[in-house]
C-alpha atoms as a PDB file:
ATOM      1  CA  MET A   1      50.554  74.917  91.191  1.00  0.00           C
ATOM      2  CA  LEU A   2      48.786  71.613  90.572  1.00  0.00           C
ATOM      3  CA  GLU A   3      46.628  70.346  93.379  1.00  0.00           C
ATOM      4  CA  LYS A   4      47.093  66.751  94.510  1.00  0.00           C
ATOM      5  CA  GLU A   5      44.223  64.488  93.476  1.00  0.00           C
ATOM      6  CA  ALA A   6      41.897  63.529  96.326  1.00  0.00           C
ATOM      7  CA  TYR A   7      42.322  59.924  97.430  1.00  0.00           C
ATOM      8  CA  PHE A   8      38.589  59.186  97.358  1.00  0.00           C
ATOM      9  CA  ARG A   9      38.358  60.231  93.681  1.00  0.00           C
ATOM     10  CA  THR A  10      41.349  58.085  92.776  1.00  0.00           C
ATOM     11  CA  ALA A  11      39.912  55.128  94.700  1.00  0.00           C
ATOM     12  CA  LEU A  12      36.522  55.448  92.987  1.00  0.00           C
ATOM     13  CA  ARG A  13      38.078  55.752  89.521  1.00  0.00           C
ATOM     14  CA  GLU A  14      40.295  52.715  90.170  1.00  0.00           C
ATOM     15  CA  GLU A  15      37.339  50.650  91.391  1.00  0.00           C
ATOM     16  CA  LEU A  16      35.317  51.599  88.305  1.00  0.00           C
ATOM     17  CA  ALA A  17      38.280  50.718  86.051  1.00  0.00           C
ATOM     18  CA  ARG A  18      38.741  47.381  87.843  1.00  0.00           C
ATOM     19  CA  ARG A  19      35.089  46.497  87.313  1.00  0.00           C
ATOM     20  CA  GLN A  20      35.307  47.524  83.654  1.00  0.00           C
ATOM     21  CA  ARG A  21      38.340  45.259  83.142  1.00  0.00           C
ATOM     22  CA  VAL A  22      36.350  42.332  84.527  1.00  0.00           C
ATOM     23  CA  ASN A  23      33.253  43.284  82.523  1.00  0.00           C
ATOM     24  CA  PRO A  24      33.878  45.637  79.567  1.00  0.00           C
ATOM     25  CA  ALA A  25      30.141  46.420  79.409  1.00  0.00           C
ATOM     26  CA  TYR A  26      30.137  47.730  83.007  1.00  0.00           C
ATOM     27  CA  SER A  27      29.110  51.376  82.898  1.00  0.00           C
ATOM     28  CA  LEU A  28      29.292  54.456  85.071  1.00  0.00           C
ATOM     29  CA  ARG A  29      25.510  54.145  85.361  1.00  0.00           C
ATOM     30  CA  ALA A  30      25.836  50.618  86.802  1.00  0.00           C
ATOM     31  CA  PHE A  31      28.566  51.768  89.197  1.00  0.00           C
ATOM     32  CA  ALA A  32      26.427  54.708  90.346  1.00  0.00           C
ATOM     33  CA  LYS A  33      23.482  52.370  90.929  1.00  0.00           C
ATOM     34  CA  HIS A  34      25.695  50.057  92.978  1.00  0.00           C
ATOM     35  CA  LEU A  35      26.841  53.046  95.075  1.00  0.00           C
ATOM     36  CA  SER A  36      23.254  54.336  95.531  1.00  0.00           C
ATOM     37  CA  MET A  37      24.032  57.534  93.618  1.00  0.00           C
ATOM     38  CA  GLN A  38      22.667  59.277  90.569  1.00  0.00           C
ATOM     39  CA  PRO A  39      24.972  58.875  87.537  1.00  0.00           C
ATOM     40  CA  PRO A  40      25.366  62.646  86.933  1.00  0.00           C
ATOM     41  CA  SER A  41      26.290  63.157  90.592  1.00  0.00           C
ATOM     42  CA  LEU A  42      28.899  60.406  90.480  1.00  0.00           C
ATOM     43  CA  SER A  43      30.316  61.784  87.238  1.00  0.00           C
ATOM     44  CA  ALA A  44      30.592  65.277  88.766  1.00  0.00           C
ATOM     45  CA  VAL A  45      32.332  63.865  91.856  1.00  0.00           C
ATOM     46  CA  LEU A  46      34.784  61.864  89.741  1.00  0.00           C
ATOM     47  CA  THR A  47      35.695  64.905  87.633  1.00  0.00           C
ATOM     48  CA  GLY A  48      36.061  67.162  90.674  1.00  0.00           C
ATOM     49  CA  LYS A  49      33.160  69.404  89.705  1.00  0.00           C
ATOM     50  CA  ARG A  50      31.220  68.517  92.838  1.00  0.00           C
ATOM     51  CA  PRO A  51      32.300  67.655  96.378  1.00  0.00           C
ATOM     52  CA  LEU A  52      31.320  64.310  97.841  1.00  0.00           C
ATOM     53  CA  PRO A  53      29.037  64.756 100.858  1.00  0.00           C
ATOM     54  CA  MET A  54      30.110  62.834 103.963  1.00  0.00           C
ATOM     55  CA  ARG A  55      26.822  60.944 104.129  1.00  0.00           C
ATOM     56  CA  SER A  56      27.330  59.729 100.558  1.00  0.00           C
ATOM     57  CA  ALA A  57      30.955  58.867 101.327  1.00  0.00           C
ATOM     58  CA  GLU A  58      29.854  56.696 104.241  1.00  0.00           C
ATOM     59  CA  THR A  59      27.302  54.910 102.064  1.00  0.00           C
ATOM     60  CA  ILE A  60      29.862  54.382  99.305  1.00  0.00           C
ATOM     61  CA  SER A  61      32.397  52.973 101.750  1.00  0.00           C
ATOM     62  CA  GLU A  62      29.802  50.517 103.040  1.00  0.00           C
ATOM     63  CA  ARG A  63      28.713  49.545  99.521  1.00  0.00           C
ATOM     64  CA  LEU A  64      32.344  48.883  98.525  1.00  0.00           C
ATOM     65  CA  ALA A  65      32.865  46.801 101.696  1.00  0.00           C
ATOM     66  CA  HIS A  66      35.961  48.719 102.771  1.00  0.00           C
ATOM     67  CA  SER A  67      38.007  47.365 105.645  1.00  0.00           C
ATOM     68  CA  PRO A  68      37.996  49.600 108.759  1.00  0.00           C
ATOM     69  CA  SER A  69      41.377  51.115 107.844  1.00  0.00           C
ATOM     70  CA  GLU A  70      40.362  51.665 104.203  1.00  0.00           C
ATOM     71  CA  LYS A  71      37.075  53.211 105.310  1.00  0.00           C
ATOM     72  CA  LYS A  72      38.927  55.587 107.620  1.00  0.00           C
ATOM     73  CA  ARG A  73      41.334  56.609 104.840  1.00  0.00           C
ATOM     74  CA  PHE A  74      38.462  57.067 102.362  1.00  0.00           C
ATOM     75  CA  LEU A  75      36.342  59.153 104.751  1.00  0.00           C
ATOM     76  CA  ASN A  76      39.306  61.241 105.908  1.00  0.00           C
ATOM     77  CA  SER A  77      40.149  62.098 102.321  1.00  0.00           C
ATOM     78  CA  VAL A  78      36.583  63.346 101.813  1.00  0.00           C
ATOM     79  CA  TYR A  79      36.544  65.279 105.080  1.00  0.00           C
ATOM     80  CA  TYR A  80      39.841  67.048 104.477  1.00  0.00           C
ATOM     81  CA  ARG A  81      38.837  68.132 100.961  1.00  0.00           C
ATOM     82  CA  LYS A  82      36.744  70.937 102.396  1.00  0.00           C
ATOM     83  CA  THR A  83      37.446  74.146 100.556  1.00  0.00           C
ATOM     84  CA  PRO A  84      39.284  76.917 102.399  1.00  0.00           C
ATOM     85  CA  ALA A  85      36.155  79.042 102.000  1.00  0.00           C
ATOM     86  CA  ALA A  86      34.066  76.431 103.832  1.00  0.00           C
ATOM     87  CA  ILE A  87      36.631  76.275 106.633  1.00  0.00           C
ATOM     88  CA  VAL A  88      36.716  80.064 106.966  1.00  0.00           C
ATOM     89  CA  GLU A  89      32.917  80.147 106.963  1.00  0.00           C
ATOM     90  CA  SER A  90      32.842  77.527 109.716  1.00  0.00           C
ATOM     91  CA  ILE A  91      35.325  79.509 111.822  1.00  0.00           C
ATOM     92  CA  GLU A  92      33.378  82.734 111.296  1.00  0.00           C
ATOM     93  CA  SER A  93      30.090  81.115 112.324  1.00  0.00           C
ATOM     94  CA  THR A  94      31.773  79.798 115.485  1.00  0.00           C
ATOM     95  CA  ARG A  95      33.105  83.270 116.281  1.00  0.00           C
ATOM     96  CA  ASN A  96      29.684  84.826 115.678  1.00  0.00           C
ATOM     97  CA  ALA A  97      28.039  82.301 117.986  1.00  0.00           C
ATOM     98  CA  ALA A  98      30.634  82.998 120.703  1.00  0.00           C
ATOM     99  CA  SER A  99      30.138  86.755 120.260  1.00  0.00           C
ATOM    100  CA  SER A 100      26.352  86.369 120.564  1.00  0.00           C
ATOM    101  CA  ALA A 101      26.710  84.292 123.705  1.00  0.00           C
ATOM    102  CA  LYS A 102      28.997  86.945 125.232  1.00  0.00           C
ATOM    103  CA  ILE A 103      26.458  89.670 124.478  1.00  0.00           C
ATOM    104  CA  LEU A 104      23.660  87.644 126.039  1.00  0.00           C
ATOM    105  CA  ARG A 105      25.714  87.088 129.205  1.00  0.00           C
ATOM    106  CA  ASP A 106      26.229  90.832 129.566  1.00  0.00           C
ATOM    107  CA  GLU A 107      23.644  92.014 132.113  1.00  0.00           C
ATOM    108  CA  MET A 108      22.873  95.258 130.292  1.00  0.00           C
ATOM    109  CA  HIS A 109      22.087  93.444 127.033  1.00  0.00           C
ATOM    110  CA  PHE A 110      20.155  90.709 128.811  1.00  0.00           C
ATOM    111  CA  LYS A 111      17.703  93.288 130.220  1.00  0.00           C
ATOM    112  CA  ILE A 112      17.047  94.689 126.778  1.00  0.00           C
END
């Protein structure tokens, strides 16, 4: 089953293509510099080989002067691209923290 392309990747590719139509000499390196990213990192994000960190997504949205609604859509698409493994890991860490807190509240374990 083919996975739907992430909106933020599509938006970044379209913006790069738009800039290249205006200026055929405009490069990925120039786009990365404008977005305050390293060119290899941007390339890996665009090809789906690397996730886009939220902090970078926020910076990119600011650098591209997104409207509030566009910024929300862009950031949501990054946030919801978390891998199932990362979500499971997050749930497990929450459960472990709750389990530890329960043990510490138990009087017998607290004395130890």
